[in-house]
Amino acid sequence: MYFDFPIYFQLLRLARREQNPRNRRKLLFRLLVTLPAIATFHAICFFLDPILFPGLRRTQVRTPVFIVGHARSGTTLLHRLMAEDAERFSAFMYYELFFPSLLQKKLIRFFARVDRRFLGGAIEKRVKAWEDRKFGPTNHIHYQSLTVYEEDDFVLTYSCASGYWIVLLPYMGELDFYYVDQHSERRRKKLMRFYEECVRRQLYLNGPEKIHLSKNPTFAGRVESLIETFPDARIVVPFRNPYETIPSLLKLMKVAWGMRKWSDAEMQRSLRILADQSYHTYTYPLEVLARHPETPQAIVDYTELVAEPKRVIERVYAELGFPVTPELERMLEAEQQKAKKHETKHAYSLEEFGLRGDEIRTKLADLFERFGWDDVETRRAAAKDA
């Protein structure tokens, strides 16, 4: 079980200096009581896993697929489309990310079966009601449920190594969960070794013969570490116009922080840092992949993915070296029909966050030219004038 003590002590320092008394009390209780108790429980279960399930030692992580890229660029859509190929891929459901031990997952699935069989799903109904209250305010931006596939990064939450802590705390610049490739070799390898063990447990649960499928915008800052830890990894990077993705991400974070009553000054400072980090998220994965041409890789244009998901997924499979099964082809055909009825709505503005289009255009000039984003903006402006 991995635990990032330097980050933990930094969280404590930040909690102690928090000006809002209510937020300070909640943070300190979470850090001094809840987090140590849960992390200890996870560590005990993690220790028991190979004893109770000896086959875990023989389970290997082979040819995992990592979808990385800027948040709101189609990573979720791509991940959920590929996860439909359930015979081939294994992925984490949201609730499983907060129970990293194999023993925990087995027990939860057992009690879920008992609930459905003997209680008529009474517990499940209560959980669904909780989901509606918890995720409802942000589901129009990013849909969440305990039983949908989510970002692997959350499995590191109780190790104090997950970007989930940034969702809870607007301390960008003082907390870093993104630039993992810049960490010391020792720290980086300990983190990635623990992550690999979490993936191994998920594969044992879903089927050791399957391929792990992951999507994480945060992992854009650790592509080198992924390739180092999983030499036979496949990398997929979706791209979408940054005039849409950057303000969309900032809006999501602003809503999340606002719900927790953080000060406007703290939020604005963190939003500015997050916007600057976005440039690295766009360019860094391509820099790493250029250094590793032997790594199977695929680049996806979000506009094409939304318009023609079948063709795009088939191309991604070909570039990664996977055959398309008849079952997957039928599913993609159905998605293709849905795509014809899809309308993209640009609901976020650069001005709301003090962003300048010319600055984004200058810093990402190569990508604007590669994906023709200038042409898209020209057509939008003409349509708006009309």
Protein backbone atom coordinates (compact mmCIF):
# COMPACT_ATOMS: atom_id res chain seq x y z
CA MET A 1 0.00 0.00 0.00
CA TYR A 2 1.49 3.32 -1.08
CA PHE A 3 1.03 6.51 0.94
CA ASP A 4 2.47 9.90 -0.03
CA PHE A 5 3.47 11.34 3.34
CA PRO A 6 4.95 14.62 1.96
CA ILE A 7 1.62 15.42 0.28
CA TYR A 8 -0.27 14.39 3.42
CA PHE A 9 1.70 16.81 5.61
CA GLN A 10 1.25 19.54 3.01
CA LEU A 11 -2.51 18.95 3.11
CA LEU A 12 -2.41 19.34 6.88
CA ARG A 13 -0.52 22.63 6.61
CA LEU A 14 -3.03 23.95 4.09
CA ALA A 15 -5.94 22.84 6.24
CA ARG A 16 -4.57 24.59 9.33
CA ARG A 17 -4.22 27.92 7.52
CA GLU A 18 -7.71 27.80 5.97
CA GLN A 19 -9.61 30.98 6.94
CA ASN A 20 -13.11 29.55 6.69
CA PRO A 21 -13.73 27.85 10.09
CA ARG A 22 -16.25 25.37 8.69
CA ASN A 23 -13.92 24.29 5.87
CA ARG A 24 -10.98 24.11 8.28
CA ARG A 25 -12.83 21.82 10.71
CA LYS A 26 -14.05 19.54 7.94
CA LEU A 27 -10.60 19.30 6.38
CA LEU A 28 -8.82 18.58 9.64
CA PHE A 29 -11.34 15.90 10.60
CA ARG A 30 -10.97 14.27 7.19
CA LEU A 31 -7.17 14.38 7.32
CA LEU A 32 -6.66 13.45 10.98
CA VAL A 33 -9.45 10.90 11.42
CA THR A 34 -11.15 9.71 8.23
CA LEU A 35 -8.14 9.44 5.90
CA PRO A 36 -5.79 7.54 8.29
CA ALA A 37 -8.57 5.11 9.26
CA ILE A 38 -9.52 4.34 5.66
CA ALA A 39 -5.89 4.15 4.46
CA THR A 40 -5.07 1.70 7.26
CA PHE A 41 -8.09 -0.42 6.38
CA HIS A 42 -7.03 -0.45 2.71
CA ALA A 43 -3.47 -1.42 3.68
CA ILE A 44 -4.69 -4.40 5.71
CA CYS A 45 -6.94 -5.59 2.88
CA PHE A 46 -4.16 -5.04 0.34
CA PHE A 47 -1.87 -7.22 2.47
CA LEU A 48 -4.50 -9.98 2.65
CA ASP A 49 -5.20 -10.05 -1.09
CA PRO A 50 -2.37 -12.37 -2.23
CA ILE A 51 -2.92 -14.61 0.81
CA LEU A 52 -6.65 -15.07 0.17
CA PHE A 53 -6.31 -15.10 -3.63
CA PRO A 54 -3.03 -16.87 -4.56
CA GLY A 55 -3.82 -16.57 -8.26
CA LEU A 56 -3.25 -12.83 -7.97
CA ARG A 57 0.52 -13.44 -8.03
CA ARG A 58 0.21 -15.03 -11.49
CA THR A 59 -1.97 -12.28 -12.96
CA GLN A 60 -0.04 -10.11 -15.41
CA VAL A 61 -0.83 -6.70 -16.88
CA ARG A 62 -0.41 -7.10 -20.63
CA THR A 63 -0.69 -4.44 -23.37
CA PRO A 64 -2.74 -1.95 -21.29
CA VAL A 65 -4.40 0.92 -23.16
CA PHE A 66 -4.14 4.44 -21.73
CA ILE A 67 -6.34 7.24 -23.04
CA VAL A 68 -4.71 10.53 -22.04
CA GLY A 69 -5.38 14.08 -23.13
CA HIS A 70 -6.88 17.33 -21.97
CA ALA A 71 -10.07 17.04 -19.94
CA ARG A 72 -13.25 17.58 -21.99
CA SER A 73 -11.46 16.47 -25.19
CA GLY A 74 -13.42 13.24 -25.64
CA THR A 75 -11.49 11.00 -23.25
CA THR A 76 -14.69 9.87 -21.52
CA LEU A 77 -16.57 9.22 -24.77
CA LEU A 78 -13.65 7.27 -26.22
CA HIS A 79 -13.18 5.29 -23.01
CA ARG A 80 -16.83 4.32 -22.68
CA LEU A 81 -17.10 3.34 -26.35
CA MET A 82 -14.05 1.07 -26.11
CA ALA A 83 -15.19 -0.33 -22.75
CA GLU A 84 -18.26 -1.68 -24.55
CA ASP A 85 -15.84 -4.27 -25.94
CA ALA A 86 -16.22 -6.10 -22.63
CA GLU A 87 -14.83 -9.40 -23.90
CA ARG A 88 -11.48 -7.70 -24.50
CA PHE A 89 -11.19 -4.87 -21.97
CA SER A 90 -11.30 -4.49 -18.19
CA ALA A 91 -11.83 -1.10 -16.54
CA PHE A 92 -12.50 0.41 -13.13
CA MET A 93 -16.03 1.38 -12.23
CA TYR A 94 -16.27 4.51 -10.10
CA TYR A 95 -17.02 2.79 -6.81
CA GLU A 96 -14.17 0.30 -7.34
CA LEU A 97 -11.64 3.13 -7.44
CA PHE A 98 -12.26 3.93 -3.78
CA PHE A 99 -11.87 0.28 -2.77
CA PRO A 100 -8.51 -0.69 -4.30
CA SER A 101 -8.22 -4.09 -2.59
CA LEU A 102 -9.41 -7.24 -4.33
CA LEU A 103 -10.96 -8.46 -1.08
CA GLN A 104 -13.02 -5.26 -0.81
CA LYS A 105 -14.31 -5.54 -4.37
CA LYS A 106 -15.26 -9.19 -3.89
CA LEU A 107 -17.19 -8.40 -0.70
CA ILE A 108 -19.05 -5.47 -2.28
CA ARG A 109 -20.12 -7.60 -5.25
CA PHE A 110 -21.24 -10.36 -2.87
CA PHE A 111 -23.40 -7.98 -0.79
CA ALA A 112 -24.85 -6.46 -3.97
CA ARG A 113 -26.00 -9.94 -5.06
CA VAL A 114 -27.52 -10.55 -1.59
CA ASP A 115 -29.32 -7.18 -1.76
CA ARG A 116 -30.84 -7.94 -5.17
CA ARG A 117 -31.84 -11.49 -4.26
CA PHE A 118 -33.16 -11.15 -0.71
CA LEU A 119 -33.88 -7.44 -0.20
CA GLY A 120 -35.36 -6.57 -3.55
CA GLY A 121 -32.58 -4.08 -4.25
CA ALA A 122 -33.47 -1.88 -1.25
CA ILE A 123 -29.86 -0.87 -0.64
CA GLU A 124 -29.29 -0.24 -4.33
CA LYS A 125 -32.26 2.16 -4.41
CA ARG A 126 -30.85 4.14 -1.50
CA VAL A 127 -27.47 4.32 -3.21
CA LYS A 128 -29.11 5.59 -6.42
CA ALA A 129 -30.90 8.31 -4.43
CA TRP A 130 -27.56 9.33 -2.90
CA GLU A 131 -26.03 9.45 -6.40
CA ASP A 132 -28.70 11.87 -7.57
CA ARG A 133 -27.98 14.22 -4.67
CA LYS A 134 -24.21 13.91 -4.93
CA PHE A 135 -23.64 14.09 -8.68
CA GLY A 136 -26.77 15.90 -9.86
CA PRO A 137 -25.34 19.46 -9.76
CA THR A 138 -22.46 18.61 -12.12
CA ASN A 139 -23.90 15.77 -14.22
CA HIS A 140 -24.80 18.21 -17.02
CA ILE A 141 -21.06 18.89 -17.37
CA HIS A 142 -19.69 15.41 -16.71
CA TYR A 143 -21.99 12.46 -16.02
CA GLN A 144 -21.03 10.36 -13.00
CA SER A 145 -22.41 7.24 -11.36
CA LEU A 146 -20.90 4.68 -9.03
CA THR A 147 -21.34 1.98 -11.68
CA VAL A 148 -19.93 3.73 -14.76
CA TYR A 149 -16.30 3.57 -15.81
CA GLU A 150 -14.16 6.39 -14.43
CA GLU A 151 -10.61 7.72 -14.18
CA ASP A 152 -7.97 5.39 -12.74
CA ASP A 153 -6.36 8.28 -10.92
CA PHE A 154 -9.07 8.10 -8.23
CA VAL A 155 -7.65 4.74 -7.07
CA LEU A 156 -4.81 6.77 -5.54
CA THR A 157 -7.11 8.98 -3.44
CA TYR A 158 -6.44 7.39 -0.04
CA SER A 159 -2.75 7.29 -0.85
CA CYS A 160 -2.78 11.11 -1.04
CA ALA A 161 -1.55 10.83 -4.62
CA SER A 162 -4.67 11.55 -6.65
CA GLY A 163 -5.79 14.70 -8.44
CA TYR A 164 -9.09 14.12 -6.67
CA TRP A 165 -7.64 16.19 -3.83
CA ILE A 166 -7.48 19.19 -6.16
CA VAL A 167 -11.22 18.80 -6.76
CA LEU A 168 -11.68 19.11 -3.00
CA LEU A 169 -9.06 21.81 -2.43
CA PRO A 170 -8.32 24.77 -4.74
CA TYR A 171 -4.58 24.83 -4.04
CA MET A 172 -3.09 24.56 -7.51
CA GLY A 173 0.60 25.40 -7.38
CA GLU A 174 0.96 24.20 -3.80
CA LEU A 175 -0.30 20.70 -4.50
CA ASP A 176 0.86 18.80 -7.59
CA PHE A 177 -0.62 15.51 -8.76
CA TYR A 178 0.01 16.10 -12.45
CA TYR A 179 3.75 16.48 -13.17
CA VAL A 180 4.63 12.93 -12.08
CA ASP A 181 7.29 12.54 -14.77
CA GLN A 182 9.21 15.33 -13.04
CA HIS A 183 9.24 13.57 -9.66
CA SER A 184 12.35 11.84 -8.34
CA GLU A 185 12.91 8.35 -9.72
CA ARG A 186 12.33 6.73 -6.32
CA ARG A 187 9.07 8.55 -5.65
CA ARG A 188 7.81 8.01 -9.19
CA LYS A 189 8.54 4.27 -9.20
CA LYS A 190 6.89 3.69 -5.81
CA LEU A 191 3.73 5.42 -7.01
CA MET A 192 3.61 3.60 -10.33
CA ARG A 193 4.34 0.23 -8.72
CA PHE A 194 1.34 0.68 -6.43
CA TYR A 195 -0.84 1.73 -9.36
CA GLU A 196 0.25 -1.39 -11.25
CA GLU A 197 -0.81 -3.52 -8.26
CA CYS A 198 -4.24 -1.88 -8.29
CA VAL A 199 -4.61 -2.66 -11.99
CA ARG A 200 -3.51 -6.25 -11.38
CA ARG A 201 -6.28 -6.71 -8.81
CA GLN A 202 -8.89 -5.32 -11.19
CA LEU A 203 -7.77 -7.72 -13.90
CA TYR A 204 -7.96 -10.67 -11.52
CA LEU A 205 -11.52 -9.62 -10.70
CA ASN A 206 -12.73 -9.04 -14.28
CA GLY A 207 -10.67 -11.73 -16.01
CA PRO A 208 -6.87 -12.16 -16.10
CA GLU A 209 -6.97 -12.65 -19.86
CA LYS A 210 -8.38 -9.17 -20.44
CA ILE A 211 -6.61 -5.90 -21.27
CA HIS A 212 -6.73 -2.99 -18.88
CA LEU A 213 -8.39 0.11 -20.37
CA SER A 214 -7.73 3.45 -18.68
CA LYS A 215 -8.64 7.07 -19.30
CA ASN A 216 -7.10 9.89 -17.31
CA PRO A 217 -6.53 13.51 -18.33
CA THR A 218 -4.22 13.75 -15.29
CA PHE A 219 -2.05 10.97 -16.75
CA ALA A 220 -1.02 13.32 -19.57
CA GLY A 221 1.70 14.45 -17.18
CA ARG A 222 3.03 10.93 -16.62
CA VAL A 223 3.12 9.36 -20.09
CA GLU A 224 6.84 8.64 -19.72
CA SER A 225 6.18 6.88 -16.40
CA LEU A 226 3.39 4.83 -17.96
CA ILE A 227 5.68 3.59 -20.73
CA GLU A 228 8.44 2.93 -18.19
CA THR A 229 6.09 0.88 -15.95
CA PHE A 230 4.22 -0.84 -18.79
CA PRO A 231 6.69 -1.25 -21.70
CA ASP A 232 4.01 -2.85 -23.91
CA ALA A 233 1.44 -0.10 -23.27
CA ARG A 234 -0.72 1.45 -25.98
CA ILE A 235 -1.40 5.22 -25.82
CA VAL A 236 -4.40 7.06 -27.27
CA VAL A 237 -4.55 10.87 -27.27
CA PRO A 238 -7.76 12.67 -28.26
CA PHE A 239 -7.64 16.34 -29.27
CA ARG A 240 -10.38 18.97 -29.23
CA ASN A 241 -10.36 22.70 -29.87
CA PRO A 242 -8.84 24.33 -26.74
CA TYR A 243 -11.30 27.22 -27.03
CA GLU A 244 -13.86 24.63 -25.91
CA THR A 245 -11.91 22.35 -23.58
CA ILE A 246 -10.06 24.85 -21.41
CA PRO A 247 -13.06 26.98 -20.34
CA SER A 248 -15.15 23.80 -20.00
CA LEU A 249 -12.63 22.32 -17.55
CA LEU A 250 -12.38 25.59 -15.64
CA LYS A 251 -16.16 25.77 -15.42
CA LEU A 252 -16.32 22.24 -14.00
CA MET A 253 -13.69 23.03 -11.37
CA LYS A 254 -15.30 26.36 -10.50
CA VAL A 255 -18.63 24.63 -9.87
CA ALA A 256 -16.96 21.90 -7.76
CA TRP A 257 -15.02 24.41 -5.66
CA GLY A 258 -18.00 26.75 -5.37
CA MET A 259 -20.13 23.95 -3.94
CA ARG A 260 -17.55 23.65 -1.15
CA LYS A 261 -17.69 27.39 -0.36
CA TRP A 262 -14.07 28.21 -1.14
CA SER A 263 -13.08 31.87 -1.41
CA ASP A 264 -13.32 33.48 -4.83
CA ALA A 265 -9.71 34.71 -4.64
CA GLU A 266 -8.36 31.19 -4.00
CA MET A 267 -10.48 29.76 -6.81
CA GLN A 268 -9.39 32.40 -9.32
CA ARG A 269 -5.71 31.86 -8.51
CA SER A 270 -6.03 28.10 -8.98
CA LEU A 271 -8.06 28.49 -12.18
CA ARG A 272 -5.27 30.59 -13.67
CA ILE A 273 -2.66 27.94 -12.83
CA LEU A 274 -4.91 25.21 -14.21
CA ALA A 275 -5.31 27.15 -17.45
CA ASP A 276 -1.52 27.41 -17.79
CA GLN A 277 -1.17 23.67 -17.12
CA SER A 278 -3.54 23.04 -20.02
CA TYR A 279 -0.85 23.97 -22.55
CA HIS A 280 1.43 21.26 -21.16
CA THR A 281 -1.45 18.76 -21.29
CA TYR A 282 -1.87 19.44 -25.00
CA THR A 283 1.79 19.24 -26.00
CA TYR A 284 3.57 16.90 -23.57
CA PRO A 285 2.00 13.53 -24.60
CA LEU A 286 3.03 14.15 -28.21
CA GLU A 287 6.58 15.00 -27.12
CA VAL A 288 6.88 11.73 -25.18
CA LEU A 289 5.34 9.62 -27.95
CA ALA A 290 7.76 11.17 -30.45
CA ARG A 291 10.58 9.82 -28.25
CA HIS A 292 8.93 6.38 -28.24
CA PRO A 293 7.92 5.57 -31.83
CA GLU A 294 7.94 1.86 -30.87
CA THR A 295 4.92 2.44 -28.60
CA PRO A 296 1.62 1.70 -30.41
CA GLN A 297 -0.27 4.99 -30.43
CA ALA A 298 -3.32 6.66 -31.91
CA ILE A 299 -4.30 10.33 -32.24
CA VAL A 300 -8.03 11.09 -32.27
CA ASP A 301 -9.78 14.23 -33.52
CA TYR A 302 -12.76 14.88 -31.24
CA THR A 303 -14.83 16.33 -34.10
CA GLU A 304 -14.40 13.13 -36.10
CA LEU A 305 -15.08 10.95 -33.05
CA VAL A 306 -18.43 12.64 -32.43
CA ALA A 307 -19.43 12.64 -36.10
CA GLU A 308 -18.21 9.16 -37.07
CA PRO A 309 -17.49 7.05 -33.97
CA LYS A 310 -17.50 3.76 -35.89
CA ARG A 311 -14.83 4.80 -38.36
CA VAL A 312 -12.68 6.41 -35.67
CA ILE A 313 -12.81 3.46 -33.27
CA GLU A 314 -12.01 1.03 -36.09
CA ARG A 315 -8.97 3.15 -37.00
CA VAL A 316 -7.84 3.31 -33.35
CA TYR A 317 -8.11 -0.48 -33.09
CA ALA A 318 -6.06 -0.91 -36.26
CA GLU A 319 -3.32 1.41 -35.00
CA LEU A 320 -3.21 -0.33 -31.63
CA GLY A 321 -3.14 -3.79 -33.20
CA PHE A 322 -6.56 -5.05 -32.05
CA PRO A 323 -9.10 -6.81 -34.29
CA VAL A 324 -12.70 -5.54 -34.38
CA THR A 325 -15.15 -8.26 -33.35
CA PRO A 326 -18.62 -8.61 -34.94
CA GLU A 327 -20.21 -7.70 -31.58
CA LEU A 328 -18.20 -4.49 -31.36
CA GLU A 329 -19.02 -3.65 -34.96
CA ARG A 330 -22.76 -3.91 -34.23
CA MET A 331 -22.40 -1.68 -31.18
CA LEU A 332 -20.44 0.88 -33.18
CA GLU A 333 -23.09 0.84 -35.88
CA ALA A 334 -25.68 1.78 -33.26
CA GLU A 335 -23.43 4.59 -32.00
CA GLN A 336 -23.04 5.81 -35.56
CA GLN A 337 -26.80 6.21 -35.84
CA LYS A 338 -26.89 8.20 -32.59
CA ALA A 339 -24.09 10.42 -33.88
CA LYS A 340 -26.24 11.57 -36.79
CA LYS A 341 -28.69 13.12 -34.29
CA HIS A 342 -25.96 14.69 -32.13
CA GLU A 343 -25.65 18.45 -31.87
CA THR A 344 -22.59 20.03 -30.31
CA LYS A 345 -23.32 23.02 -28.05
CA HIS A 346 -20.50 25.43 -27.26
CA ALA A 347 -21.62 26.57 -23.79
CA TYR A 348 -18.40 28.01 -22.35
CA SER A 349 -16.65 31.30 -23.01
CA LEU A 350 -13.00 32.28 -22.74
CA GLU A 351 -13.95 35.71 -21.38
CA GLU A 352 -15.61 34.21 -18.29
CA PHE A 353 -12.16 33.10 -17.08
CA GLY A 354 -10.08 35.97 -18.42
CA LEU A 355 -8.59 33.84 -21.21
CA ARG A 356 -7.38 35.31 -24.49
CA GLY A 357 -7.91 33.44 -27.73
CA ASP A 358 -4.77 34.87 -29.33
CA GLU A 359 -2.63 33.61 -26.42
CA ILE A 360 -4.03 30.09 -26.75
CA ARG A 361 -3.61 30.25 -30.53
CA THR A 362 0.06 31.28 -30.21
CA LYS A 363 1.03 28.65 -27.64
CA LEU A 364 -0.69 25.82 -29.51
CA ALA A 365 -0.07 27.03 -33.05
CA ASP A 366 1.13 23.65 -34.39
CA LEU A 367 -2.00 21.91 -33.14
CA PHE A 368 -4.29 24.60 -34.55
CA GLU A 369 -2.78 23.98 -37.94
CA ARG A 370 -2.78 20.20 -37.61
CA PHE A 371 -6.46 19.94 -36.65
CA GLY A 372 -7.78 22.92 -38.59
CA TRP A 373 -9.19 24.67 -35.52
CA ASP A 374 -8.78 28.09 -37.17
CA ASP A 375 -11.19 27.04 -39.92
CA VAL A 376 -13.72 25.90 -37.32
CA GLU A 377 -13.56 29.24 -35.50
CA THR A 378 -13.94 31.14 -38.78
CA ARG A 379 -17.10 29.19 -39.62
CA ARG A 380 -18.48 29.77 -36.11
CA ALA A 381 -17.86 33.50 -36.34
CA ALA A 382 -19.58 33.66 -39.73
CA ALA A 383 -22.57 31.70 -38.39
CA LYS A 384 -22.79 34.02 -35.38
CA ASP A 385 -22.73 37.13 -37.57
CA ALA A 386 -25.40 35.64 -39.81
